[in-house]
Amino acid sequence: MVEVKENNLIRGSAMDNKRISRRVRVSQNRQFNIPKDFYDYLGMGEEAIIELHSNRLVIRNAESDNNYFAEQIMEELFSEGYSNDQEKFINEFKRRSNEIKPAVESLITDALSNSEPLDVDTMFDDEEESK
């Protein structure tokens, strides 16, 4: 959860799943500054991932890309006996880590291609009312 206090975002508040936006100036060189409280909240480092989703620009912490599922992968590797050989452990960890993003992208593509459009009327349609 996120709470805004004097331009500071605090994890664990009622704002967690809320949208917080700020207007920023874009320079002639197409540059802009990420507000400090956003930067700090996300634990940003020296690099970011910028994605274009339809008409939205999404900026993510590049460091977080490397940490998804790391703990689960390491636990599996240890339970499978890879802990005795550091080189094999590292190679297998890299291989499995690199498989995650394509697998998730495939799941998303599949979900989107098999989903049906949903509108507000359908979403809140009460079957009992139509009887």
C-alpha atoms as a PDB file:
ATOM      1  CA  MET A   1       0.000   0.000   0.000  1.00  0.00           C
ATOM      2  CA  VAL A   2       1.140   3.535  -0.697  1.00  0.00           C
ATOM      3  CA  GLU A   3       0.390   6.737   1.181  1.00  0.00           C
ATOM      4  CA  VAL A   4       1.381  10.200  -0.007  1.00  0.00           C
ATOM      5  CA  LYS A   5       2.856  12.420   2.700  1.00  0.00           C
ATOM      6  CA  GLU A   6       4.349  15.760   1.694  1.00  0.00           C
ATOM      7  CA  ASN A   7       5.363  14.467  -1.751  1.00  0.00           C
ATOM      8  CA  ASN A   8       6.666  11.187  -0.283  1.00  0.00           C
ATOM      9  CA  LEU A   9       5.151   7.812  -1.080  1.00  0.00           C
ATOM     10  CA  ILE A  10       5.016   5.345   1.791  1.00  0.00           C
ATOM     11  CA  ARG A  11       4.554   1.604   1.269  1.00  0.00           C
ATOM     12  CA  GLY A  12       1.793  -0.082   3.246  1.00  0.00           C
ATOM     13  CA  SER A  13      -0.891   2.614   3.136  1.00  0.00           C
ATOM     14  CA  ALA A  14      -4.364   2.715   1.612  1.00  0.00           C
ATOM     15  CA  MET A  15      -2.981   4.068  -1.681  1.00  0.00           C
ATOM     16  CA  ASP A  16      -1.307   0.826  -2.811  1.00  0.00           C
ATOM     17  CA  ASN A  17      -3.536   0.032  -5.764  1.00  0.00           C
ATOM     18  CA  LYS A  18      -4.410   3.623  -6.554  1.00  0.00           C
ATOM     19  CA  ARG A  19      -3.136   5.611  -9.486  1.00  0.00           C
ATOM     20  CA  ILE A  20      -0.899   8.510  -8.557  1.00  0.00           C
ATOM     21  CA  SER A  21       0.111  10.846 -11.356  1.00  0.00           C
ATOM     22  CA  ARG A  22       2.212  13.941 -11.763  1.00  0.00           C
ATOM     23  CA  ARG A  23       2.610  16.314 -14.667  1.00  0.00           C
ATOM     24  CA  VAL A  24       6.270  16.666 -15.676  1.00  0.00           C
ATOM     25  CA  ARG A  25       7.977  18.931 -18.195  1.00  0.00           C
ATOM     26  CA  VAL A  26       9.457  17.315 -21.314  1.00  0.00           C
ATOM     27  CA  SER A  27      12.564  19.079 -22.649  1.00  0.00           C
ATOM     28  CA  GLN A  28      13.307  19.805 -26.304  1.00  0.00           C
ATOM     29  CA  ASN A  29      15.538  16.710 -26.203  1.00  0.00           C
ATOM     30  CA  ARG A  30      12.535  14.565 -25.160  1.00  0.00           C
ATOM     31  CA  GLN A  31      13.859  14.217 -21.604  1.00  0.00           C
ATOM     32  CA  PHE A  32      11.953  14.418 -18.342  1.00  0.00           C
ATOM     33  CA  ASN A  33      12.646  13.838 -14.661  1.00  0.00           C
ATOM     34  CA  ILE A  34      11.026  11.083 -12.654  1.00  0.00           C
ATOM     35  CA  PRO A  35       9.640  12.666  -9.463  1.00  0.00           C
ATOM     36  CA  LYS A  36      11.949  11.840  -6.553  1.00  0.00           C
ATOM     37  CA  ASP A  37       9.235  10.189  -4.466  1.00  0.00           C
ATOM     38  CA  PHE A  38       8.312   7.886  -7.386  1.00  0.00           C
ATOM     39  CA  TYR A  39      11.997   7.112  -7.961  1.00  0.00           C
ATOM     40  CA  ASP A  40      12.590   6.336  -4.284  1.00  0.00           C
ATOM     41  CA  TYR A  41       9.389   4.311  -3.890  1.00  0.00           C
ATOM     42  CA  LEU A  42      10.313   2.072  -6.842  1.00  0.00           C
ATOM     43  CA  GLY A  43      13.899   1.691  -5.683  1.00  0.00           C
ATOM     44  CA  MET A  44      15.109   2.856  -9.084  1.00  0.00           C
ATOM     45  CA  GLY A  45      18.742   2.402 -10.005  1.00  0.00           C
ATOM     46  CA  GLU A  46      20.804   3.702 -12.895  1.00  0.00           C
ATOM     47  CA  GLU A  47      18.628   2.059 -15.574  1.00  0.00           C
ATOM     48  CA  ALA A  48      14.933   1.779 -16.299  1.00  0.00           C
ATOM     49  CA  ILE A  49      12.799  -0.250 -18.681  1.00  0.00           C
ATOM     50  CA  ILE A  50      10.463   1.882 -20.796  1.00  0.00           C
ATOM     51  CA  GLU A  51       7.543   0.140 -22.493  1.00  0.00           C
ATOM     52  CA  LEU A  52       4.833   1.415 -24.787  1.00  0.00           C
ATOM     53  CA  HIS A  53       1.429  -0.131 -23.981  1.00  0.00           C
ATOM     54  CA  SER A  54      -1.195   1.140 -26.418  1.00  0.00           C
ATOM     55  CA  ASN A  55      -1.103   4.873 -25.721  1.00  0.00           C
ATOM     56  CA  ARG A  56       0.670   4.652 -22.351  1.00  0.00           C
ATOM     57  CA  LEU A  57       4.324   4.884 -21.491  1.00  0.00           C
ATOM     58  CA  VAL A  58       5.319   2.556 -18.649  1.00  0.00           C
ATOM     59  CA  ILE A  59       8.599   3.025 -16.802  1.00  0.00           C
ATOM     60  CA  ARG A  60       9.843   0.186 -14.591  1.00  0.00           C
ATOM     61  CA  ASN A  61      12.889  -0.397 -12.470  1.00  0.00           C
ATOM     62  CA  ALA A  62      15.354  -2.364 -14.626  1.00  0.00           C
ATOM     63  CA  GLU A  63      16.813  -3.997 -11.536  1.00  0.00           C
ATOM     64  CA  SER A  64      13.494  -5.712 -10.747  1.00  0.00           C
ATOM     65  CA  ASP A  65      13.583  -7.555 -14.087  1.00  0.00           C
ATOM     66  CA  ASN A  66      16.479  -9.638 -12.845  1.00  0.00           C
ATOM     67  CA  ASN A  67      14.853 -10.591  -9.556  1.00  0.00           C
ATOM     68  CA  TYR A  68      11.538 -12.111 -10.649  1.00  0.00           C
ATOM     69  CA  PHE A  69      11.302 -15.706  -9.493  1.00  0.00           C
ATOM     70  CA  ALA A  70      15.015 -15.782  -8.500  1.00  0.00           C
ATOM     71  CA  GLU A  71      14.285 -17.258  -5.083  1.00  0.00           C
ATOM     72  CA  GLN A  72      12.016 -19.963  -6.504  1.00  0.00           C
ATOM     73  CA  ILE A  73      14.538 -20.879  -9.201  1.00  0.00           C
ATOM     74  CA  MET A  74      17.353 -21.151  -6.654  1.00  0.00           C
ATOM     75  CA  GLU A  75      15.239 -23.322  -4.346  1.00  0.00           C
ATOM     76  CA  GLU A  76      14.470 -25.667  -7.253  1.00  0.00           C
ATOM     77  CA  LEU A  77      18.125 -25.843  -8.267  1.00  0.00           C
ATOM     78  CA  PHE A  78      19.227 -26.668  -4.718  1.00  0.00           C
ATOM     79  CA  SER A  79      16.554 -29.359  -4.387  1.00  0.00           C
ATOM     80  CA  GLU A  80      17.670 -30.803  -7.737  1.00  0.00           C
ATOM     81  CA  GLY A  81      21.260 -31.079  -6.533  1.00  0.00           C
ATOM     82  CA  TYR A  82      22.844 -28.237  -8.494  1.00  0.00           C
ATOM     83  CA  SER A  83      24.411 -26.788  -5.328  1.00  0.00           C
ATOM     84  CA  ASN A  84      27.461 -29.071  -5.640  1.00  0.00           C
ATOM     85  CA  ASP A  85      28.672 -27.524  -8.899  1.00  0.00           C
ATOM     86  CA  GLN A  86      28.815 -23.722  -8.987  1.00  0.00           C
ATOM     87  CA  GLU A  87      29.287 -23.443 -12.760  1.00  0.00           C
ATOM     88  CA  LYS A  88      26.350 -25.755 -13.549  1.00  0.00           C
ATOM     89  CA  PHE A  89      24.240 -23.939 -10.931  1.00  0.00           C
ATOM     90  CA  ILE A  90      24.928 -20.517 -12.489  1.00  0.00           C
ATOM     91  CA  ASN A  91      24.376 -21.735 -16.053  1.00  0.00           C
ATOM     92  CA  GLU A  92      21.103 -23.440 -15.173  1.00  0.00           C
ATOM     93  CA  PHE A  93      19.958 -20.405 -13.164  1.00  0.00           C
ATOM     94  CA  LYS A  94      20.602 -18.128 -16.164  1.00  0.00           C
ATOM     95  CA  ARG A  95      18.847 -20.540 -18.528  1.00  0.00           C
ATOM     96  CA  ARG A  96      15.733 -20.795 -16.376  1.00  0.00           C
ATOM     97  CA  SER A  97      15.686 -17.050 -15.662  1.00  0.00           C
ATOM     98  CA  ASN A  98      15.768 -16.337 -19.389  1.00  0.00           C
ATOM     99  CA  GLU A  99      12.774 -18.631 -19.948  1.00  0.00           C
ATOM    100  CA  ILE A 100      10.475 -16.708 -17.598  1.00  0.00           C
ATOM    101  CA  LYS A 101       9.722 -13.624 -19.692  1.00  0.00           C
ATOM    102  CA  PRO A 102       8.856 -15.553 -22.898  1.00  0.00           C
ATOM    103  CA  ALA A 103       6.667 -17.924 -20.871  1.00  0.00           C
ATOM    104  CA  VAL A 104       4.764 -15.069 -19.236  1.00  0.00           C
ATOM    105  CA  GLU A 105       4.406 -13.277 -22.587  1.00  0.00           C
ATOM    106  CA  SER A 106       2.988 -16.488 -24.058  1.00  0.00           C
ATOM    107  CA  LEU A 107       0.490 -16.791 -21.189  1.00  0.00           C
ATOM    108  CA  ILE A 108      -0.614 -13.183 -21.679  1.00  0.00           C
ATOM    109  CA  THR A 109      -0.982 -13.612 -25.444  1.00  0.00           C
ATOM    110  CA  ASP A 110      -2.998 -16.787 -24.915  1.00  0.00           C
ATOM    111  CA  ALA A 111      -5.222 -15.136 -22.316  1.00  0.00           C
ATOM    112  CA  LEU A 112      -5.869 -12.129 -24.542  1.00  0.00           C
ATOM    113  CA  SER A 113      -6.614 -14.217 -27.620  1.00  0.00           C
ATOM    114  CA  ASN A 114      -9.040 -16.445 -25.720  1.00  0.00           C
ATOM    115  CA  SER A 115     -10.854 -13.701 -23.827  1.00  0.00           C
ATOM    116  CA  GLU A 116     -14.143 -12.138 -24.739  1.00  0.00           C
ATOM    117  CA  PRO A 117     -14.777  -8.389 -24.695  1.00  0.00           C
ATOM    118  CA  LEU A 118     -16.383  -7.200 -21.478  1.00  0.00           C
ATOM    119  CA  ASP A 119     -18.384  -4.049 -20.954  1.00  0.00           C
ATOM    120  CA  VAL A 120     -19.730  -2.471 -17.785  1.00  0.00           C
ATOM    121  CA  ASP A 121     -23.302  -3.674 -18.411  1.00  0.00           C
ATOM    122  CA  THR A 122     -22.159  -7.271 -18.818  1.00  0.00           C
ATOM    123  CA  MET A 123     -19.835  -7.042 -15.835  1.00  0.00           C
ATOM    124  CA  PHE A 124     -22.594  -5.908 -13.479  1.00  0.00           C
ATOM    125  CA  ASP A 125     -25.400  -7.928 -15.049  1.00  0.00           C
ATOM    126  CA  ASP A 126     -27.293  -9.764 -12.333  1.00  0.00           C
ATOM    127  CA  GLU A 127     -28.759 -13.024 -13.690  1.00  0.00           C
ATOM    128  CA  GLU A 128     -31.479 -13.051 -11.069  1.00  0.00           C
ATOM    129  CA  GLU A 129     -32.763  -9.627 -12.190  1.00  0.00           C
ATOM    130  CA  SER A 130     -33.273 -10.887 -15.747  1.00  0.00           C
ATOM    131  CA  LYS A 131     -35.484 -13.770 -14.606  1.00  0.00           C
END
